[in-house]
Structure formats: structure tokens, C-alpha cells
Protein backbone atom coordinates (compact mmCIF):
# COMPACT_ATOMS: atom_id res chain seq x y z
CA MET A 1 -10.59 -16.83 -8.78
CA ILE A 2 -7.84 -15.99 -6.27
CA LEU A 3 -7.87 -13.67 -3.26
CA ALA A 4 -5.25 -11.00 -2.59
CA VAL A 5 -5.28 -10.04 1.09
CA ASP A 6 -3.50 -6.99 2.46
CA ILE A 7 -3.44 -6.55 6.24
CA GLY A 8 -2.78 -2.86 6.86
CA ASN A 9 -2.64 -0.70 9.95
CA THR A 10 -6.30 0.26 9.61
CA ASN A 11 -8.06 -2.29 7.40
CA ILE A 12 -7.87 -5.84 6.11
CA CYS A 13 -8.37 -5.51 2.37
CA VAL A 14 -9.57 -8.57 0.45
CA ALA A 15 -9.66 -8.46 -3.35
CA GLY A 16 -10.79 -11.07 -5.84
CA PHE A 17 -8.90 -11.50 -9.12
CA SER A 18 -9.92 -13.54 -12.12
CA ASP A 19 -8.05 -13.38 -15.44
CA THR A 20 -7.12 -9.69 -15.50
CA ASP A 21 -5.11 -7.26 -13.37
CA THR A 22 -8.29 -5.45 -12.32
CA PRO A 23 -9.95 -6.71 -9.13
CA VAL A 24 -13.43 -8.20 -9.59
CA PHE A 25 -14.36 -7.06 -6.10
CA ILE A 26 -12.76 -5.47 -3.05
CA LYS A 27 -13.88 -5.87 0.57
CA ASN A 28 -12.47 -3.78 3.41
CA TYR A 29 -12.76 -4.88 7.03
CA PRO A 30 -11.60 -2.78 10.01
CA ASP A 31 -8.68 -4.40 11.81
CA SER A 32 -10.58 -4.18 15.10
CA ARG A 33 -13.67 -6.02 13.85
CA PHE A 34 -12.46 -9.60 14.35
CA HIS A 35 -11.32 -11.29 17.55
CA ASN A 36 -10.50 -14.71 16.08
CA SER A 37 -10.21 -16.62 12.82
CA SER A 38 -13.75 -18.02 13.07
CA GLU A 39 -15.26 -14.54 12.95
CA PHE A 40 -13.18 -13.63 9.91
CA LEU A 41 -14.02 -16.92 8.19
CA SER A 42 -17.74 -16.26 8.74
CA ALA A 43 -17.38 -12.83 7.13
CA LEU A 44 -15.60 -14.32 4.11
CA LYS A 45 -18.28 -16.97 3.63
CA SER A 46 -21.02 -14.37 3.94
CA ASP A 47 -19.48 -11.78 1.61
CA ILE A 48 -17.78 -13.90 -1.07
CA PRO A 49 -20.00 -16.47 -2.77
CA GLN A 50 -17.45 -17.38 -5.45
CA GLU A 51 -15.24 -20.47 -5.25
CA ILE A 52 -11.68 -19.42 -4.42
CA SER A 53 -8.83 -21.46 -5.86
CA GLY A 54 -5.95 -19.74 -4.09
CA ALA A 55 -4.88 -16.76 -2.02
CA VAL A 56 -1.90 -14.51 -1.43
CA LEU A 57 -1.36 -12.62 1.81
CA CYS A 58 0.88 -9.81 3.02
CA SER A 59 0.75 -8.01 6.34
CA VAL A 60 2.25 -5.10 8.24
CA VAL A 61 0.39 -6.17 11.42
CA PRO A 62 2.04 -9.42 12.56
CA VAL A 63 -0.48 -10.06 15.34
CA LEU A 64 -3.25 -10.44 12.74
CA SER A 65 -1.33 -12.55 10.22
CA SER A 66 -1.90 -15.97 11.76
CA MET A 67 -5.58 -15.26 12.40
CA VAL A 68 -6.20 -14.27 8.79
CA LYS A 69 -4.19 -17.17 7.39
CA GLU A 70 -6.10 -19.64 9.55
CA ALA A 71 -9.40 -18.25 8.28
CA LEU A 72 -8.20 -18.46 4.68
CA THR A 73 -7.23 -22.10 5.23
CA GLY A 74 -10.87 -22.85 5.94
CA PHE A 75 -12.10 -20.89 2.93
CA VAL A 76 -9.61 -21.40 0.07
CA ARG A 77 -9.39 -24.78 -1.63
CA GLY A 78 -5.94 -24.19 -3.14
CA GLU A 79 -2.57 -22.82 -2.12
CA ILE A 80 -2.17 -19.87 0.24
CA VAL A 81 0.98 -17.87 -0.50
CA VAL A 82 2.38 -15.68 2.27
CA ILE A 83 4.67 -12.82 1.26
CA ASP A 84 7.35 -12.59 3.95
CA SER A 85 11.11 -12.15 4.20
CA GLU A 86 11.64 -15.78 3.14
CA PHE A 87 9.55 -15.43 -0.02
CA ASN A 88 11.52 -15.44 -3.29
CA ASP A 89 10.05 -12.23 -4.71
CA GLY A 90 12.83 -11.78 -7.29
CA LEU A 91 13.42 -8.15 -6.29
CA ARG A 92 17.03 -7.04 -6.29
CA ILE A 93 17.92 -4.96 -3.24
CA SER A 94 20.94 -2.75 -2.62
CA GLY A 95 22.01 -1.81 0.90
CA TYR A 96 18.72 -2.68 2.65
CA ASP A 97 18.00 -5.63 4.93
CA ARG A 98 15.16 -7.58 3.30
CA ARG A 99 14.02 -8.77 6.73
CA ARG A 100 13.32 -5.14 7.67
CA LEU A 101 11.47 -4.26 4.48
CA GLY A 102 7.68 -4.10 4.60
CA ASN A 103 6.03 -6.71 2.42
CA ASP A 104 3.49 -4.15 1.25
CA ARG A 105 6.38 -2.24 -0.31
CA ILE A 106 7.59 -5.42 -2.01
CA ALA A 107 4.15 -5.80 -3.59
CA ASP A 108 4.09 -2.15 -4.67
CA MET A 109 7.52 -2.39 -6.30
CA THR A 110 6.68 -5.69 -7.99
CA ALA A 111 3.63 -4.10 -9.62
CA VAL A 112 5.51 -0.98 -10.73
CA LYS A 113 8.31 -2.99 -12.33
CA ALA A 114 5.80 -5.11 -14.23
CA LEU A 115 3.33 -2.40 -15.21
CA TYR A 116 5.15 0.95 -15.41
CA GLY A 117 8.88 0.38 -15.70
CA THR A 118 11.89 1.94 -14.02
CA PRO A 119 13.49 4.12 -12.76
CA ALA A 120 10.54 4.83 -10.50
CA VAL A 121 9.55 6.35 -7.19
CA ILE A 122 6.55 4.78 -5.46
CA PHE A 123 4.49 6.67 -2.89
CA ASP A 124 2.08 4.58 -0.81
CA MET A 125 -0.08 7.01 1.17
CA GLY A 126 -1.82 5.32 4.07
CA THR A 127 -1.51 5.47 7.84
CA ALA A 128 2.18 5.98 7.13
CA ASN A 129 3.52 7.26 3.81
CA THR A 130 6.22 5.06 2.34
CA VAL A 131 8.56 6.03 -0.47
CA SER A 132 10.38 3.31 -2.42
CA VAL A 133 12.97 4.03 -5.12
CA LEU A 134 13.86 1.70 -7.99
CA ASN A 135 16.81 2.62 -10.20
CA LYS A 136 16.87 2.13 -13.98
CA ASP A 137 17.94 -1.50 -13.52
CA GLY A 138 14.95 -2.20 -11.28
CA VAL A 139 17.05 -2.41 -8.11
CA PHE A 140 15.52 -1.14 -4.88
CA ILE A 141 18.06 1.35 -3.53
CA GLY A 142 16.16 2.70 -0.50
CA GLY A 143 13.32 4.94 0.50
CA MET A 144 11.59 6.89 3.23
CA ILE A 145 8.80 6.48 5.78
CA MET A 146 6.80 9.54 6.83
CA PRO A 147 3.67 10.21 8.89
CA GLY A 148 0.52 9.83 6.84
CA LEU A 149 -2.31 12.33 6.62
CA GLY A 150 -4.25 10.89 9.54
CA LEU A 151 -1.20 10.60 11.77
CA SER A 152 -0.25 14.20 11.04
CA ILE A 153 -3.70 15.43 12.03
CA ASN A 154 -3.73 13.28 15.17
CA ALA A 155 -0.26 14.47 16.17
CA LEU A 156 -1.35 18.10 15.97
CA SER A 157 -4.55 17.59 17.96
CA SER A 158 -3.11 15.26 20.61
CA GLY A 159 0.16 17.14 21.05
CA THR A 160 -1.33 20.61 21.53
CA ALA A 161 -3.86 22.14 23.88
CA LEU A 162 -5.88 24.24 21.42
CA LEU A 163 -5.71 22.52 18.02
CA PRO A 164 -8.73 20.33 17.24
CA GLY A 165 -8.92 17.05 15.36
CA ILE A 166 -10.38 17.45 11.87
CA LYS A 167 -11.51 15.41 8.90
CA PRO A 168 -9.45 16.26 5.82
CA SER A 169 -11.11 17.88 2.81
CA GLN A 170 -9.98 19.57 -0.39
CA PRO A 171 -8.66 23.08 0.35
CA ASN A 172 -10.50 26.06 -1.16
CA SER A 173 -7.30 28.07 -1.33
CA LEU A 174 -3.65 27.85 -0.38
CA LEU A 175 -4.03 29.71 2.91
CA GLY A 176 -6.45 28.78 5.67
CA GLN A 177 -8.70 31.45 7.16
CA ASP A 178 -9.33 29.80 10.52
CA THR A 179 -7.86 27.08 12.72
CA VAL A 180 -9.62 24.18 11.04
CA SER A 181 -8.80 25.24 7.47
CA SER A 182 -5.24 26.11 8.50
CA ILE A 183 -4.70 22.58 9.85
CA ASN A 184 -6.39 21.05 6.83
CA ASN A 185 -4.38 23.07 4.32
CA GLY A 186 -1.18 22.53 6.26
CA VAL A 187 -1.32 18.74 6.29
CA ILE A 188 -2.55 18.43 2.69
CA TYR A 189 -0.16 20.91 1.11
CA SER A 190 2.77 19.62 3.14
CA GLY A 191 2.00 16.18 1.73
CA ALA A 192 1.96 17.58 -1.81
CA PHE A 193 5.17 19.55 -1.26
CA ALA A 194 6.86 16.47 0.22
CA LEU A 195 5.93 14.39 -2.82
CA GLU A 196 7.23 16.98 -5.26
CA GLY A 197 10.35 17.62 -3.21
CA VAL A 198 11.24 13.94 -2.87
CA LEU A 199 10.85 13.44 -6.63
CA ALA A 200 13.12 16.39 -7.38
CA ARG A 201 15.79 15.16 -4.96
CA VAL A 202 15.67 11.56 -6.22
CA GLU A 203 16.03 12.73 -9.84
CA GLU A 204 19.00 14.83 -8.75
CA LEU A 205 20.48 11.76 -7.01
CA LEU A 206 19.96 9.45 -9.99
CA GLY A 207 20.74 12.03 -12.67
CA GLU A 208 17.63 11.18 -14.69
CA LYS A 209 13.87 11.54 -14.78
CA VAL A 210 11.80 8.96 -12.93
CA THR A 211 8.26 7.62 -13.19
CA ALA A 212 6.23 8.62 -10.15
CA VAL A 213 3.56 6.14 -9.09
CA VAL A 214 1.18 6.91 -6.23
CA THR A 215 -1.25 4.67 -4.38
CA GLY A 216 -3.03 4.59 -1.03
CA GLY A 217 -6.20 6.03 0.45
CA ALA A 218 -4.83 9.48 1.32
CA ALA A 219 -3.69 10.14 -2.24
CA LYS A 220 -7.13 11.48 -3.20
CA PHE A 221 -6.54 14.47 -0.91
CA ILE A 222 -2.90 15.07 -1.83
CA LEU A 223 -2.72 14.62 -5.60
CA PRO A 224 -5.12 17.44 -6.62
CA GLN A 225 -2.64 19.86 -5.05
CA CYS A 226 0.42 18.47 -6.87
CA ARG A 227 1.87 20.16 -9.93
CA ARG A 228 4.10 17.23 -10.82
CA ARG A 229 2.63 14.63 -13.18
CA VAL A 230 2.23 11.25 -11.51
CA ILE A 231 0.51 7.93 -12.17
CA TYR A 232 -2.21 7.09 -9.67
CA ASP A 233 -2.97 3.39 -9.28
CA GLU A 234 -5.55 2.75 -6.59
CA HIS A 235 -4.98 -1.02 -6.62
CA LEU A 236 -1.19 -1.10 -7.03
CA LEU A 237 -0.45 -3.23 -3.97
CA LEU A 238 -3.19 -5.75 -4.78
CA LYS A 239 -1.94 -6.06 -8.36
CA GLY A 240 1.55 -6.70 -7.00
CA LEU A 241 0.24 -9.47 -4.76
CA LYS A 242 -1.44 -11.14 -7.73
CA ILE A 243 1.82 -10.97 -9.71
CA LEU A 244 3.76 -12.48 -6.78
CA TYR A 245 1.20 -15.28 -6.45
CA GLU A 246 1.57 -16.13 -10.14
CA LYS A 247 5.36 -16.03 -9.78
CA LYS A 248 5.20 -18.59 -6.97
CA LEU A 249 3.04 -20.92 -9.05
CA ASN A 250 5.35 -20.54 -12.07
CA ASP A 251 8.43 -21.24 -9.93
CA GLU A 252 6.82 -24.39 -8.59
CA GLY A 253 5.77 -25.47 -12.08
CA ASN A 254 9.34 -25.10 -13.38
CA ARG A 255 10.90 -27.31 -10.73
């Protein structure tokens, strides 16, 4: 079994993969829970009884990367693959500096190319919403980064005197009938409208239909309000990490 580890802005997600593309288990740890690698290593030993033969790691929080890798070194008996700007991911990129491209997006795009085909638009809805566009030849041609659901809510409550913070929920109707429902409907429907609008504009740009693939924790609030057909893959990023790990092993085996 191998571990796929995604260090996000809110959680450290650890998934175990065996012989299929479906995770055997997933553990989520708040970023703020651990102060050093020993604490994280103790959590891994407590929560994961299986023997781990390898691991693959990507991170959008550089300050946590070394801590997590050090813990994995004490837990994994095989190779630990780190997805960074030096990693040979095989993705062709047009007009974008690979050093500035989030490794979570690399994993997302790797999974979409392997599992769903191109042209494609990938929406990863988390703390921030990222949009990544692959043309029909599988080349990454650019994307967008937008505030996620939680950031939008926090911006409204922290930037105004009278608007409260809320927990998002499914709207009962299009229009809110009070302040709380108006905020809730506003952030959720604006997310749905943004998704549909981006897809329409990208198809206009490319001159052809695209496959829309959505992942990320906030998608469960946004997608029920979308009229456009999309593919929802909850574990897209983790699947991409597994594919990248296997690519690294294959590359080493062919040398």
C-alpha cells in the first residue's frame, strides 16, 4: 500500500491506495494540529496499522512540507516522491511558468488526462477555487484562481459592519428572504454561475465542447445549483498523486 498526501490550506489529507484508483482509506488532519514531525508521525502510527511501501506528497503550504516529509520518512519503508517544480510530471504547458503552478493542480490535471480525456476544464473548489484548462492535445494553456466559498463568506462578514458569518447550506430558493439566506444564496449561486460562465467562455475560446470535471470540498454546495452537466470526482487530486507516483517508479525502472 502507498500513501498519497495532500497538504492543503485547511487540512493535511492522507489517503491509502492499494491496487485500484479508489482510496482504501482517507484521513484528514487540520493543518494547525501538529507542531512538529514527531506529533504527525505519532498520528500516522496510531491511525494507519497497514505497512506502507511508499508515499507521494504535494503541498500548497511550504512551511508544512518538510515537517510532513520528515514524519513520512519515519513511517514509510519505501520511496517518498515529492511533487514539486523539479518533478518530471510529463505535463505539457503553454505560456505558464511551471515554478509558479500549484502542484495540486498538476495532480488534478494528471488525473483528468488519464481518466476523463481532453479538452477539459478542471474546477478544484477548496479554500480557493482553481480553474485549469487542458486543450484537445492535453496541453495546459492557463486557468484562473478565485475565492472559495469559505473565503467569500469570511470576506463579507469581516469587511462589513452588519453582515454576519454563516455556515453554508443548500438554498431553499433562488432569492434569500433575510440577511443570512441572502448571503448563503449569494455565495452559492455566484459559485454556480461562475462555473457555468467559465465553461461557456472556455468553449468559445477553444471552439469546441469540453469535459468539465469538478472536485473539492465546496463542490457539494455548488453543484446542485448548476444546470451544466459536469463530472464530480471527490478524490481527483489523490488519484492524480497515485498516477504520478507510479510514473516516477516506471521512469526509474526504464533507466
